[in-house]
Amino acid sequence: MEVGVYGLGRFGYLWAEILSKKFTVKGFNRSGERKTPQGVIRVSEEELLHCDTIFLCVTISSMEDVLKRISVKIKEHTLVMDTCSVKVYPARIMRDLLPENVNIIGTHPMFGPDSVKHGLEHLPMVLSPVRAEEYQIEYWRGVFHDLGLKVLILTPEEHDREAAYTQGITHFIGRVLEDLKLTESRIGTLGFKKILEVIEQTCNDPWQLFLDLQRYNPYTEEMRRNLNISLQKIMDKLKTDA
């Protein structure tokens, strides 16, 4: 099977590298400046769209433009899987913009270059079937399981609701703490060092990913509102508790 990875940015590069251990992987990036992982074949957009399975590793905010570009070129019965960190939005536009004879599974590999330093074992991998045959879902569930990932089948809504209070809040807190200019301290506790790790992991990702996580997940606004309420409660208790 030939697998295509559309987009060789920070995550796409990693994902192509991982998949190349099991498949013939072809990679495409609109900017020629991106490097190609060892074992991955760099191809044109047209050639990539002839792959049996295509992973879209592009920013959430660019998904619509990419889908419009490829929808008129993609071959029948191709399986398309996005890798976005939100699921409701990409599931909807993939269903709306891709031809009906193209199969679709939403995915969210819940890790990145920083979190795979110690391997893939037990890291979460979410599948959100949109328009796919059962055998395709089971096949890819097996592939990801064999890679050591913990595979979860969730609806796009289930994913986004939970992700808002896990990944969304982590990235939000990470950016807030970065703005405080926290640095290593000779008296830093283990807990403080963990905080610095959160900052490093979240802020190594592109700013665009942070914006997209907060803007395209329909539940993150509620998360930020509740976070602000909880912060204010604690601030008020500092003033009133004896």
C-alpha atoms as a PDB file:
ATOM      1  CA  MET A   1       0.000   0.000   0.000  1.00  0.00           C
ATOM      2  CA  GLU A   2       1.197   3.511  -0.829  1.00  0.00           C
ATOM      3  CA  VAL A   3       0.491   6.084   1.873  1.00  0.00           C
ATOM      4  CA  GLY A   4       0.691   9.801   1.186  1.00  0.00           C
ATOM      5  CA  VAL A   5       1.479  12.505   3.729  1.00  0.00           C
ATOM      6  CA  TYR A   6       0.269  15.910   2.566  1.00  0.00           C
ATOM      7  CA  GLY A   7       2.262  18.501   4.517  1.00  0.00           C
ATOM      8  CA  LEU A   8       5.753  17.968   5.914  1.00  0.00           C
ATOM      9  CA  GLY A   9       5.748  20.527   8.686  1.00  0.00           C
ATOM     10  CA  ARG A  10       6.768  19.774  12.249  1.00  0.00           C
ATOM     11  CA  PHE A  11       4.159  17.055  12.771  1.00  0.00           C
ATOM     12  CA  GLY A  12       3.904  15.883   9.155  1.00  0.00           C
ATOM     13  CA  TYR A  13       7.632  15.176   9.085  1.00  0.00           C
ATOM     14  CA  LEU A  14       7.306  13.043  12.232  1.00  0.00           C
ATOM     15  CA  TRP A  15       4.197  11.237  10.984  1.00  0.00           C
ATOM     16  CA  ALA A  16       5.736  10.404   7.605  1.00  0.00           C
ATOM     17  CA  GLU A  17       8.811   9.066   9.387  1.00  0.00           C
ATOM     18  CA  ILE A  18       6.682   6.847  11.656  1.00  0.00           C
ATOM     19  CA  LEU A  19       4.538   5.485   8.813  1.00  0.00           C
ATOM     20  CA  SER A  20       7.567   4.774   6.615  1.00  0.00           C
ATOM     21  CA  LYS A  21       8.478   1.932   8.982  1.00  0.00           C
ATOM     22  CA  LYS A  22       5.375   0.029   7.786  1.00  0.00           C
ATOM     23  CA  PHE A  23       4.489   1.426   4.351  1.00  0.00           C
ATOM     24  CA  THR A  24       5.825   2.971   1.182  1.00  0.00           C
ATOM     25  CA  VAL A  25       5.315   6.633   2.080  1.00  0.00           C
ATOM     26  CA  LYS A  26       5.203   9.544  -0.329  1.00  0.00           C
ATOM     27  CA  GLY A  27       5.384  13.094   0.980  1.00  0.00           C
ATOM     28  CA  PHE A  28       4.348  16.448  -0.451  1.00  0.00           C
ATOM     29  CA  ASN A  29       4.808  19.956   0.865  1.00  0.00           C
ATOM     30  CA  ARG A  30       3.775  23.111  -0.968  1.00  0.00           C
ATOM     31  CA  SER A  31       6.916  24.858   0.251  1.00  0.00           C
ATOM     32  CA  GLY A  32      10.037  23.241  -1.134  1.00  0.00           C
ATOM     33  CA  GLU A  33      12.015  24.400   1.896  1.00  0.00           C
ATOM     34  CA  ARG A  34      10.805  21.551   4.129  1.00  0.00           C
ATOM     35  CA  LYS A  35      13.095  18.560   4.549  1.00  0.00           C
ATOM     36  CA  THR A  36      11.955  15.039   3.661  1.00  0.00           C
ATOM     37  CA  PRO A  37      12.391  12.284   6.277  1.00  0.00           C
ATOM     38  CA  GLN A  38      14.726   9.437   5.460  1.00  0.00           C
ATOM     39  CA  GLY A  39      12.818   6.613   3.784  1.00  0.00           C
ATOM     40  CA  VAL A  40      10.058   8.915   2.490  1.00  0.00           C
ATOM     41  CA  ILE A  41       9.721   9.666  -1.236  1.00  0.00           C
ATOM     42  CA  ARG A  42       9.221  13.347  -2.076  1.00  0.00           C
ATOM     43  CA  VAL A  43       6.609  13.721  -4.844  1.00  0.00           C
ATOM     44  CA  SER A  44       4.413  16.298  -6.548  1.00  0.00           C
ATOM     45  CA  GLU A  45       0.886  17.017  -5.348  1.00  0.00           C
ATOM     46  CA  GLU A  46      -0.557  15.192  -8.374  1.00  0.00           C
ATOM     47  CA  GLU A  47       1.476  12.050  -7.669  1.00  0.00           C
ATOM     48  CA  LEU A  48       0.631  12.074  -3.974  1.00  0.00           C
ATOM     49  CA  LEU A  49      -3.084  12.187  -4.795  1.00  0.00           C
ATOM     50  CA  HIS A  50      -2.760   8.775  -6.467  1.00  0.00           C
ATOM     51  CA  CYS A  51      -1.873   7.117  -3.148  1.00  0.00           C
ATOM     52  CA  ASP A  52      -4.382   4.648  -1.678  1.00  0.00           C
ATOM     53  CA  THR A  53      -4.465   6.459   1.665  1.00  0.00           C
ATOM     54  CA  ILE A  54      -3.670  10.118   2.287  1.00  0.00           C
ATOM     55  CA  PHE A  55      -2.994  11.789   5.634  1.00  0.00           C
ATOM     56  CA  LEU A  56      -3.566  15.539   5.671  1.00  0.00           C
ATOM     57  CA  CYS A  57      -0.962  17.041   8.017  1.00  0.00           C
ATOM     58  CA  VAL A  58      -1.838  20.699   7.507  1.00  0.00           C
ATOM     59  CA  THR A  59      -2.948  23.461   9.846  1.00  0.00           C
ATOM     60  CA  ILE A  60      -6.585  23.464  10.878  1.00  0.00           C
ATOM     61  CA  SER A  61      -7.067  26.930   9.402  1.00  0.00           C
ATOM     62  CA  SER A  62      -5.745  25.822   5.991  1.00  0.00           C
ATOM     63  CA  MET A  63      -7.853  22.641   5.772  1.00  0.00           C
ATOM     64  CA  GLU A  64     -10.647  24.185   3.722  1.00  0.00           C
ATOM     65  CA  ASP A  65      -8.288  25.583   1.075  1.00  0.00           C
ATOM     66  CA  VAL A  66      -6.391  22.281   0.844  1.00  0.00           C
ATOM     67  CA  LEU A  67      -9.603  20.273   0.477  1.00  0.00           C
ATOM     68  CA  LYS A  68     -10.818  22.561  -2.301  1.00  0.00           C
ATOM     69  CA  ARG A  69      -7.484  22.085  -4.085  1.00  0.00           C
ATOM     70  CA  ILE A  70      -7.470  18.300  -3.926  1.00  0.00           C
ATOM     71  CA  SER A  71     -11.188  17.515  -4.237  1.00  0.00           C
ATOM     72  CA  VAL A  72     -11.161  17.800  -8.041  1.00  0.00           C
ATOM     73  CA  LYS A  73      -7.967  15.736  -8.428  1.00  0.00           C
ATOM     74  CA  ILE A  74      -8.272  12.930  -5.904  1.00  0.00           C
ATOM     75  CA  LYS A  75      -9.031   9.432  -7.244  1.00  0.00           C
ATOM     76  CA  GLU A  76     -12.126   7.399  -6.375  1.00  0.00           C
ATOM     77  CA  HIS A  77     -12.134   5.251  -3.228  1.00  0.00           C
ATOM     78  CA  THR A  78      -9.113   6.992  -1.726  1.00  0.00           C
ATOM     79  CA  LEU A  79      -9.115   6.990   2.069  1.00  0.00           C
ATOM     80  CA  VAL A  80      -8.434  10.478   3.438  1.00  0.00           C
ATOM     81  CA  MET A  81      -7.499  11.009   7.081  1.00  0.00           C
ATOM     82  CA  ASP A  82      -6.818  14.373   8.650  1.00  0.00           C
ATOM     83  CA  THR A  83      -4.554  14.720  11.682  1.00  0.00           C
ATOM     84  CA  CYS A  84      -6.019  17.917  13.124  1.00  0.00           C
ATOM     85  CA  SER A  85      -6.136  18.590  16.856  1.00  0.00           C
ATOM     86  CA  VAL A  86      -9.871  19.303  16.605  1.00  0.00           C
ATOM     87  CA  LYS A  87     -12.374  16.995  14.990  1.00  0.00           C
ATOM     88  CA  VAL A  88     -15.830  18.591  14.541  1.00  0.00           C
ATOM     89  CA  TYR A  89     -14.666  21.228  12.052  1.00  0.00           C
ATOM     90  CA  PRO A  90     -12.455  19.047   9.792  1.00  0.00           C
ATOM     91  CA  ALA A  91     -15.007  16.199   9.824  1.00  0.00           C
ATOM     92  CA  ARG A  92     -17.684  18.576   8.568  1.00  0.00           C
ATOM     93  CA  ILE A  93     -15.648  20.187   5.805  1.00  0.00           C
ATOM     94  CA  MET A  94     -14.157  16.874   4.634  1.00  0.00           C
ATOM     95  CA  ARG A  95     -17.680  15.467   4.349  1.00  0.00           C
ATOM     96  CA  ASP A  96     -18.873  18.586   2.516  1.00  0.00           C
ATOM     97  CA  LEU A  97     -15.930  19.134   0.158  1.00  0.00           C
ATOM     98  CA  LEU A  98     -14.597  15.687  -0.748  1.00  0.00           C
ATOM     99  CA  PRO A  99     -16.445  13.588  -3.367  1.00  0.00           C
ATOM    100  CA  GLU A 100     -18.887  11.003  -2.019  1.00  0.00           C
ATOM    101  CA  ASN A 101     -16.758   8.190  -3.472  1.00  0.00           C
ATOM    102  CA  VAL A 102     -13.851   9.201  -1.210  1.00  0.00           C
ATOM    103  CA  ASN A 103     -13.700   7.586   2.238  1.00  0.00           C
ATOM    104  CA  ILE A 104     -12.950   9.663   5.329  1.00  0.00           C
ATOM    105  CA  ILE A 105     -11.659   8.946   8.828  1.00  0.00           C
ATOM    106  CA  GLY A 106     -10.799  11.765  11.202  1.00  0.00           C
ATOM    107  CA  THR A 107      -7.727  11.099  13.329  1.00  0.00           C
ATOM    108  CA  HIS A 108      -5.893  12.870  16.104  1.00  0.00           C
ATOM    109  CA  PRO A 109      -2.472  11.496  16.998  1.00  0.00           C
ATOM    110  CA  MET A 110      -2.293  13.041  20.475  1.00  0.00           C
ATOM    111  CA  PHE A 111       1.452  13.534  20.522  1.00  0.00           C
ATOM    112  CA  GLY A 112       4.150  15.440  18.698  1.00  0.00           C
ATOM    113  CA  PRO A 113       7.921  15.630  18.235  1.00  0.00           C
ATOM    114  CA  ASP A 114       8.484  16.564  21.885  1.00  0.00           C
ATOM    115  CA  SER A 115       6.272  13.878  23.427  1.00  0.00           C
ATOM    116  CA  VAL A 116       7.597  10.932  21.376  1.00  0.00           C
ATOM    117  CA  LYS A 117      11.171  11.233  22.615  1.00  0.00           C
ATOM    118  CA  HIS A 118      10.635   8.151  24.768  1.00  0.00           C
ATOM    119  CA  GLY A 119       8.656   6.205  22.153  1.00  0.00           C
ATOM    120  CA  LEU A 120       5.041   5.772  21.025  1.00  0.00           C
ATOM    121  CA  GLU A 121       4.034   3.169  23.609  1.00  0.00           C
ATOM    122  CA  HIS A 122       0.572   3.875  25.109  1.00  0.00           C
ATOM    123  CA  LEU A 123       0.273   7.362  23.584  1.00  0.00           C
ATOM    124  CA  PRO A 124      -3.364   8.145  22.627  1.00  0.00           C
ATOM    125  CA  MET A 125      -4.541   7.930  19.023  1.00  0.00           C
ATOM    126  CA  VAL A 126      -8.130   9.000  18.338  1.00  0.00           C
ATOM    127  CA  LEU A 127     -10.121   7.765  15.342  1.00  0.00           C
ATOM    128  CA  SER A 128     -13.358   9.522  14.361  1.00  0.00           C
ATOM    129  CA  PRO A 129     -14.933   7.672  11.410  1.00  0.00           C
ATOM    130  CA  VAL A 130     -16.799  10.051   9.098  1.00  0.00           C
ATOM    131  CA  ARG A 131     -17.479   8.091   5.909  1.00  0.00           C
ATOM    132  CA  ALA A 132     -15.588   4.803   5.871  1.00  0.00           C
ATOM    133  CA  GLU A 133     -16.043   1.056   5.558  1.00  0.00           C
ATOM    134  CA  GLU A 134     -15.770  -1.009   8.728  1.00  0.00           C
ATOM    135  CA  TYR A 135     -12.806  -2.956   7.340  1.00  0.00           C
ATOM    136  CA  GLN A 136     -10.894   0.317   6.806  1.00  0.00           C
ATOM    137  CA  ILE A 137     -11.527   1.436  10.368  1.00  0.00           C
ATOM    138  CA  GLU A 138     -10.445  -1.930  11.757  1.00  0.00           C
ATOM    139  CA  TYR A 139      -7.388  -2.108   9.515  1.00  0.00           C
ATOM    140  CA  TRP A 140      -6.045   1.250  10.647  1.00  0.00           C
ATOM    141  CA  ARG A 141      -6.986   0.588  14.261  1.00  0.00           C
ATOM    142  CA  GLY A 142      -4.752  -2.479  13.990  1.00  0.00           C
ATOM    143  CA  VAL A 143      -1.911  -0.538  12.358  1.00  0.00           C
ATOM    144  CA  PHE A 144      -1.895   2.066  15.103  1.00  0.00           C
ATOM    145  CA  HIS A 145      -2.196  -0.574  17.809  1.00  0.00           C
ATOM    146  CA  ASP A 146       0.823  -2.384  16.344  1.00  0.00           C
ATOM    147  CA  LEU A 147       2.774   0.880  16.579  1.00  0.00           C
ATOM    148  CA  GLY A 148       2.143   0.784  20.335  1.00  0.00           C
ATOM    149  CA  LEU A 149      -0.526   3.485  20.380  1.00  0.00           C
ATOM    150  CA  LYS A 150      -3.629   3.422  22.584  1.00  0.00           C
ATOM    151  CA  VAL A 151      -6.422   3.637  20.001  1.00  0.00           C
ATOM    152  CA  LEU A 152      -9.732   5.269  20.942  1.00  0.00           C
ATOM    153  CA  ILE A 153     -12.836   5.501  18.724  1.00  0.00           C
ATOM    154  CA  LEU A 154     -14.694   8.746  19.470  1.00  0.00           C
ATOM    155  CA  THR A 155     -17.230  10.884  17.669  1.00  0.00           C
ATOM    156  CA  PRO A 156     -15.903  14.316  16.650  1.00  0.00           C
ATOM    157  CA  GLU A 157     -18.100  15.901  19.329  1.00  0.00           C
ATOM    158  CA  GLU A 158     -16.852  13.554  22.060  1.00  0.00           C
ATOM    159  CA  HIS A 159     -13.263  14.262  21.052  1.00  0.00           C
ATOM    160  CA  ASP A 160     -13.585  18.047  21.012  1.00  0.00           C
ATOM    161  CA  ARG A 161     -15.460  18.229  24.306  1.00  0.00           C
ATOM    162  CA  GLU A 162     -12.782  16.185  26.068  1.00  0.00           C
ATOM    163  CA  ALA A 163      -9.868  17.780  24.201  1.00  0.00           C
ATOM    164  CA  ALA A 164     -10.949  21.268  25.265  1.00  0.00           C
ATOM    165  CA  TYR A 165     -10.331  20.327  28.911  1.00  0.00           C
ATOM    166  CA  THR A 166      -7.141  18.335  28.244  1.00  0.00           C
ATOM    167  CA  GLN A 167      -5.084  19.523  25.280  1.00  0.00           C
ATOM    168  CA  GLY A 168      -6.837  22.884  24.947  1.00  0.00           C
ATOM    169  CA  ILE A 169      -6.386  23.868  28.578  1.00  0.00           C
ATOM    170  CA  THR A 170      -2.781  22.601  28.632  1.00  0.00           C
ATOM    171  CA  HIS A 171      -1.792  24.750  25.659  1.00  0.00           C
ATOM    172  CA  PHE A 172      -3.654  27.749  27.090  1.00  0.00           C
ATOM    173  CA  ILE A 173      -1.972  27.458  30.498  1.00  0.00           C
ATOM    174  CA  GLY A 174       1.387  26.860  28.810  1.00  0.00           C
ATOM    175  CA  ARG A 175       1.128  30.113  26.860  1.00  0.00           C
ATOM    176  CA  VAL A 176       0.004  32.039  29.943  1.00  0.00           C
ATOM    177  CA  LEU A 177       2.942  30.705  31.965  1.00  0.00           C
ATOM    178  CA  GLU A 178       5.349  31.496  29.131  1.00  0.00           C
ATOM    179  CA  ASP A 179       4.123  35.090  29.232  1.00  0.00           C
ATOM    180  CA  LEU A 180       5.198  35.205  32.902  1.00  0.00           C
ATOM    181  CA  LYS A 181       8.802  34.625  31.713  1.00  0.00           C
ATOM    182  CA  LEU A 182       9.379  31.765  34.160  1.00  0.00           C
ATOM    183  CA  THR A 183      12.913  30.359  34.062  1.00  0.00           C
ATOM    184  CA  GLU A 184      14.872  27.604  35.795  1.00  0.00           C
ATOM    185  CA  SER A 185      15.628  28.252  39.449  1.00  0.00           C
ATOM    186  CA  ARG A 186      18.281  26.794  41.740  1.00  0.00           C
ATOM    187  CA  ILE A 187      15.558  26.319  44.370  1.00  0.00           C
ATOM    188  CA  GLY A 188      12.935  25.060  41.928  1.00  0.00           C
ATOM    189  CA  THR A 189      10.841  22.170  43.228  1.00  0.00           C
ATOM    190  CA  LEU A 190       9.933  19.100  41.195  1.00  0.00           C
ATOM    191  CA  GLY A 191       6.491  20.615  40.653  1.00  0.00           C
ATOM    192  CA  PHE A 192       8.055  23.810  39.284  1.00  0.00           C
ATOM    193  CA  LYS A 193      10.214  21.769  36.918  1.00  0.00           C
ATOM    194  CA  LYS A 194       7.059  20.046  35.653  1.00  0.00           C
ATOM    195  CA  ILE A 195       5.575  23.471  34.970  1.00  0.00           C
ATOM    196  CA  LEU A 196       8.632  24.386  32.895  1.00  0.00           C
ATOM    197  CA  GLU A 197       8.183  21.127  30.963  1.00  0.00           C
ATOM    198  CA  VAL A 198       4.594  22.112  30.154  1.00  0.00           C
ATOM    199  CA  ILE A 199       5.813  25.470  28.860  1.00  0.00           C
ATOM    200  CA  GLU A 200       8.477  23.821  26.729  1.00  0.00           C
ATOM    201  CA  GLN A 201       6.147  21.202  25.249  1.00  0.00           C
ATOM    202  CA  THR A 202       3.334  23.603  24.397  1.00  0.00           C
ATOM    203  CA  CYS A 203       5.373  26.590  23.265  1.00  0.00           C
ATOM    204  CA  ASN A 204       7.643  24.604  20.953  1.00  0.00           C
ATOM    205  CA  ASP A 205       4.585  24.160  18.740  1.00  0.00           C
ATOM    206  CA  PRO A 206       3.772  26.890  16.199  1.00  0.00           C
ATOM    207  CA  TRP A 207       1.671  29.833  17.379  1.00  0.00           C
ATOM    208  CA  GLN A 208      -0.802  28.990  14.595  1.00  0.00           C
ATOM    209  CA  LEU A 209      -1.506  25.622  16.227  1.00  0.00           C
ATOM    210  CA  PHE A 210      -2.357  27.389  19.486  1.00  0.00           C
ATOM    211  CA  LEU A 211      -4.698  29.810  17.713  1.00  0.00           C
ATOM    212  CA  ASP A 212      -6.392  27.003  15.795  1.00  0.00           C
ATOM    213  CA  LEU A 213      -6.812  24.862  18.925  1.00  0.00           C
ATOM    214  CA  GLN A 214      -8.578  27.721  20.675  1.00  0.00           C
ATOM    215  CA  ARG A 215     -10.634  28.985  17.721  1.00  0.00           C
ATOM    216  CA  TYR A 216     -11.800  25.823  15.958  1.00  0.00           C
ATOM    217  CA  ASN A 217     -12.778  23.672  18.930  1.00  0.00           C
ATOM    218  CA  PRO A 218     -16.399  24.590  19.764  1.00  0.00           C
ATOM    219  CA  TYR A 219     -15.820  23.839  23.464  1.00  0.00           C
ATOM    220  CA  THR A 220     -12.649  25.840  24.200  1.00  0.00           C
ATOM    221  CA  GLU A 221     -14.473  29.132  24.733  1.00  0.00           C
ATOM    222  CA  GLU A 222     -16.456  27.495  27.528  1.00  0.00           C
ATOM    223  CA  MET A 223     -13.200  26.057  28.931  1.00  0.00           C
ATOM    224  CA  ARG A 224     -11.542  29.492  29.027  1.00  0.00           C
ATOM    225  CA  ARG A 225     -14.626  31.030  30.599  1.00  0.00           C
ATOM    226  CA  ASN A 226     -14.743  28.356  33.324  1.00  0.00           C
ATOM    227  CA  LEU A 227     -11.000  28.699  33.878  1.00  0.00           C
ATOM    228  CA  ASN A 228     -11.417  32.426  34.396  1.00  0.00           C
ATOM    229  CA  ILE A 229     -14.296  31.833  36.837  1.00  0.00           C
ATOM    230  CA  SER A 230     -12.196  29.367  38.847  1.00  0.00           C
ATOM    231  CA  LEU A 231      -9.235  31.756  38.888  1.00  0.00           C
ATOM    232  CA  GLN A 232     -11.450  34.547  40.148  1.00  0.00           C
ATOM    233  CA  LYS A 233     -12.891  32.276  42.872  1.00  0.00           C
ATOM    234  CA  ILE A 234      -9.405  31.551  44.201  1.00  0.00           C
ATOM    235  CA  MET A 235      -8.438  35.237  44.024  1.00  0.00           C
ATOM    236  CA  ASP A 236     -11.570  36.134  45.983  1.00  0.00           C
ATOM    237  CA  LYS A 237     -10.834  33.470  48.614  1.00  0.00           C
ATOM    238  CA  LEU A 238      -7.400  34.991  49.167  1.00  0.00           C
ATOM    239  CA  LYS A 239      -9.128  38.220  50.105  1.00  0.00           C
ATOM    240  CA  THR A 240     -11.896  36.787  52.287  1.00  0.00           C
ATOM    241  CA  ASP A 241     -10.704  33.568  53.996  1.00  0.00           C
ATOM    242  CA  ALA A 242      -9.219  33.941  57.451  1.00  0.00           C
END
